[in-house]
N, C-alpha and C. Protein backbone atom coordinates (compact mmCIF):
# COMPACT_ATOMS: atom_id res chain seq x y z
N MET A 1 7.76 44.44 -5.38
CA MET A 1 7.53 43.71 -6.09
C MET A 1 6.24 44.95 -5.43
N ALA A 2 5.86 45.20 -6.86
CA ALA A 2 4.24 45.54 -6.77
C ALA A 2 3.00 44.19 -6.81
N SER A 3 2.41 45.59 -6.37
CA SER A 3 0.75 43.64 -6.37
C SER A 3 0.05 44.21 -7.50
N VAL A 4 -0.55 42.44 -8.16
CA VAL A 4 -0.70 42.80 -8.98
C VAL A 4 -2.12 42.22 -9.00
N THR A 5 -3.40 42.99 -9.98
CA THR A 5 -4.29 42.01 -8.82
C THR A 5 -5.57 42.32 -10.01
N ALA A 6 -6.19 41.13 -10.45
CA ALA A 6 -7.69 41.08 -11.46
C ALA A 6 -8.97 40.79 -10.76
N ASP A 7 -9.26 41.42 -11.92
CA ASP A 7 -11.14 41.36 -11.64
C ASP A 7 -11.17 39.89 -12.20
N LEU A 8 -11.66 39.03 -11.36
CA LEU A 8 -12.33 37.67 -11.76
C LEU A 8 -13.85 37.44 -11.76
N LYS A 9 -14.57 36.47 -12.07
CA LYS A 9 -15.74 36.52 -12.59
C LYS A 9 -16.31 35.76 -12.01
N CYS A 10 -17.24 34.82 -10.76
CA CYS A 10 -17.81 33.25 -10.12
C CYS A 10 -18.27 33.07 -11.81
N ALA A 11 -18.21 31.72 -11.78
CA ALA A 11 -18.43 30.96 -12.74
C ALA A 11 -20.31 30.76 -12.21
N VAL A 12 -19.80 30.34 -11.43
CA VAL A 12 -21.60 29.67 -10.56
C VAL A 12 -22.76 31.03 -10.45
N CYS A 13 -21.83 32.48 -9.96
CA CYS A 13 -22.94 33.68 -9.19
C CYS A 13 -23.47 34.90 -10.59
N GLY A 14 -22.17 34.71 -10.83
CA GLY A 14 -21.30 35.48 -12.00
C GLY A 14 -21.12 36.86 -11.18
N ARG A 15 -20.80 36.80 -10.28
CA ARG A 15 -20.35 38.24 -9.42
C ARG A 15 -18.76 38.23 -9.33
N VAL A 16 -18.43 39.60 -9.84
CA VAL A 16 -16.62 39.48 -10.05
C VAL A 16 -16.36 40.51 -8.77
N THR A 17 -15.07 39.63 -8.43
CA THR A 17 -14.34 40.35 -7.26
C THR A 17 -12.35 40.29 -7.44
N ARG A 18 -12.10 41.34 -6.70
CA ARG A 18 -11.07 41.54 -7.10
C ARG A 18 -9.97 40.63 -6.62
N HIS A 19 -9.15 39.64 -6.97
CA HIS A 19 -8.22 39.16 -6.49
C HIS A 19 -6.94 39.00 -6.95
N ALA A 20 -5.54 39.16 -5.73
CA ALA A 20 -4.16 38.78 -5.89
C ALA A 20 -3.92 38.23 -7.12
N ILE A 21 -2.60 38.12 -7.47
CA ILE A 21 -2.49 37.41 -8.41
C ILE A 21 -1.34 37.13 -7.93
N LEU A 22 -1.16 35.60 -7.55
CA LEU A 22 0.89 35.65 -7.28
C LEU A 22 1.52 34.88 -7.97
N ARG A 23 2.21 35.08 -8.61
CA ARG A 23 3.22 35.12 -9.95
C ARG A 23 4.19 34.07 -9.63
N SER A 24 4.39 33.94 -8.64
CA SER A 24 5.89 32.46 -7.67
C SER A 24 5.73 32.41 -6.28
N GLY A 25 5.96 31.61 -5.64
CA GLY A 25 5.79 31.06 -4.00
C GLY A 25 5.10 29.91 -3.86
N GLU A 26 5.81 30.41 -2.53
CA GLU A 26 4.38 28.71 -2.04
C GLU A 26 3.41 28.56 -1.46
N TYR A 27 2.32 29.76 -2.59
CA TYR A 27 1.32 29.69 -2.13
C TYR A 27 0.76 29.81 -3.76
N ARG A 28 1.05 30.04 -4.61
CA ARG A 28 0.67 29.54 -6.53
C ARG A 28 0.21 28.98 -6.36
N ASP A 29 -1.19 29.49 -6.63
CA ASP A 29 -1.94 28.13 -6.72
C ASP A 29 -2.36 26.83 -5.79
N SER A 30 -2.06 27.46 -4.98
CA SER A 30 -2.89 26.35 -3.64
C SER A 30 -4.19 26.00 -3.60
N ALA A 31 -4.41 26.88 -3.59
CA ALA A 31 -6.53 27.10 -3.86
C ALA A 31 -6.84 25.43 -5.23
N GLU A 32 -5.71 25.62 -5.79
CA GLU A 32 -6.24 24.73 -7.50
C GLU A 32 -5.54 23.50 -6.48
N LYS A 33 -4.22 23.63 -6.26
CA LYS A 33 -3.77 22.45 -5.76
C LYS A 33 -4.65 21.30 -4.89
N LEU A 34 -4.75 22.15 -3.08
CA LEU A 34 -6.62 21.57 -3.15
C LEU A 34 -7.74 21.01 -3.43
N GLN A 35 -8.07 22.41 -4.64
CA GLN A 35 -8.96 21.74 -5.14
C GLN A 35 -9.02 19.84 -6.23
N ARG A 36 -8.06 19.98 -6.01
CA ARG A 36 -6.97 18.50 -7.28
C ARG A 36 -7.22 17.68 -5.88
N ILE A 37 -6.78 17.93 -5.42
CA ILE A 37 -7.07 16.49 -3.83
C ILE A 37 -8.35 16.68 -2.95
N ALA A 38 -9.34 17.40 -3.92
CA ALA A 38 -10.38 17.83 -2.75
C ALA A 38 -11.03 16.80 -4.25
N LEU A 39 -10.25 16.65 -5.43
CA LEU A 39 -11.72 15.64 -6.19
C LEU A 39 -11.24 14.82 -6.75
N GLY A 40 -10.16 14.14 -5.40
CA GLY A 40 -9.56 12.85 -5.97
C GLY A 40 -8.14 12.01 -6.17
N ALA A 41 -7.95 12.89 -7.23
CA ALA A 41 -5.94 13.55 -7.34
C ALA A 41 -5.48 12.97 -5.99
N LYS A 42 -4.58 12.48 -6.27
CA LYS A 42 -3.04 11.91 -5.30
C LYS A 42 -2.57 13.28 -5.23
N PRO A 43 -1.98 13.09 -4.21
CA PRO A 43 -0.57 14.75 -3.04
C PRO A 43 0.64 14.33 -4.69
N GLU A 44 1.12 15.17 -4.42
CA GLU A 44 2.78 15.24 -4.81
C GLU A 44 3.08 14.69 -4.18
N PRO A 45 3.99 13.93 -4.56
CA PRO A 45 5.61 13.34 -3.62
C PRO A 45 5.93 14.32 -3.13
N GLY A 46 6.33 14.36 -1.38
CA GLY A 46 6.21 15.14 -0.74
C GLY A 46 5.76 16.65 -0.26
N ASP A 47 4.32 16.27 -0.54
CA ASP A 47 3.19 16.53 -0.17
C ASP A 47 2.32 16.29 1.24
N HIS A 48 3.06 16.67 1.81
CA HIS A 48 1.62 16.00 2.98
C HIS A 48 0.42 16.64 4.09
N THR A 49 -0.57 17.24 2.57
CA THR A 49 -1.21 17.32 2.43
C THR A 49 -2.30 16.55 3.57
N ASP A 50 -3.03 16.29 4.46
CA ASP A 50 -4.44 15.83 4.38
C ASP A 50 -5.12 15.09 3.55
N ALA A 51 -5.16 14.53 2.56
CA ALA A 51 -6.12 14.63 1.97
C ALA A 51 -8.31 14.43 1.93
N GLU A 52 -7.70 12.99 2.89
CA GLU A 52 -9.33 13.00 3.81
C GLU A 52 -10.52 14.22 4.61
N PRO A 53 -9.63 14.71 5.09
CA PRO A 53 -10.26 16.14 5.70
C PRO A 53 -10.99 16.88 3.83
N LEU A 54 -10.24 17.00 3.38
CA LEU A 54 -10.55 17.94 2.24
C LEU A 54 -11.73 16.92 0.86
N ARG A 55 -11.54 15.96 1.16
CA ARG A 55 -12.60 14.42 0.29
C ARG A 55 -14.14 15.16 0.86
N ALA A 56 -13.70 14.95 2.21
CA ALA A 56 -15.04 14.69 2.90
C ALA A 56 -16.50 16.20 3.07
N GLU A 57 -14.87 17.26 3.28
CA GLU A 57 -15.48 18.87 3.54
C GLU A 57 -15.85 18.64 1.29
N ASN A 58 -15.42 17.59 0.93
CA ASN A 58 -15.87 18.45 -1.19
C ASN A 58 -17.72 17.13 -0.83
N ARG A 59 -16.79 16.34 -0.18
CA ARG A 59 -18.29 15.16 -0.82
C ARG A 59 -19.59 15.48 0.51
N GLN A 60 -19.82 17.08 1.19
CA GLN A 60 -20.59 17.71 2.64
C GLN A 60 -20.77 18.37 1.79
N GLY A 61 -20.53 18.92 1.07
CA GLY A 61 -20.95 19.99 -0.33
C GLY A 61 -21.73 19.66 -1.49
N LEU A 62 -20.92 18.42 -1.76
CA LEU A 62 -21.44 18.38 -3.14
C LEU A 62 -23.41 18.05 -2.43
N SER A 63 -22.98 17.01 -1.02
CA SER A 63 -24.83 16.61 -0.71
C SER A 63 -25.89 17.91 -0.18
N ARG A 64 -24.68 19.36 0.41
CA ARG A 64 -25.61 20.72 0.26
C ARG A 64 -25.89 20.86 -0.35
N THR A 65 -25.00 20.64 -1.93
CA THR A 65 -26.02 21.54 -2.93
C THR A 65 -26.61 20.57 -3.48
N ARG A 66 -27.05 19.56 -4.02
CA ARG A 66 -27.98 18.71 -4.13
C ARG A 66 -28.97 19.01 -3.68
N THR A 67 -28.73 19.17 -2.61
CA THR A 67 -30.37 18.93 -1.65
C THR A 67 -30.94 20.29 -1.17
N SER A 68 -29.76 21.63 -1.63
CA SER A 68 -30.49 23.12 -1.51
C SER A 68 -30.89 23.33 -3.20
N THR A 69 -31.45 22.16 -3.79
CA THR A 69 -31.36 22.71 -5.21
C THR A 69 -33.30 21.83 -5.16
N THR A 70 -32.96 20.94 -4.74
CA THR A 70 -34.99 19.66 -4.85
C THR A 70 -35.08 21.00 -4.59
N VAL A 71 -36.15 20.42 -5.78
CA VAL A 71 -37.59 21.15 -6.56
C VAL A 71 -38.81 19.86 -5.47
N THR A 72 -39.89 21.18 -4.20
CA THR A 72 -40.54 20.04 -3.68
C THR A 72 -42.09 20.85 -3.49
N GLY A 73 -42.77 19.48 -3.40
CA GLY A 73 -44.59 20.10 -3.70
C GLY A 73 -45.19 20.05 -3.42
């Protein structure tokens, strides 16, 4: 099977990086699945992903983002 890659641009910083495109298999869309769970979606039936650590990490990331953008004078 030939590997397929694509250049993807970060929506936040604009940096372009090369990524493997997974067309099928167990890991296809795994990052997107974890992000949905971290943002509050329920894991699909049969998915044994522990949602709480993902959600806690997401909350910490959000608070760091807010703190780092605070302007003090």
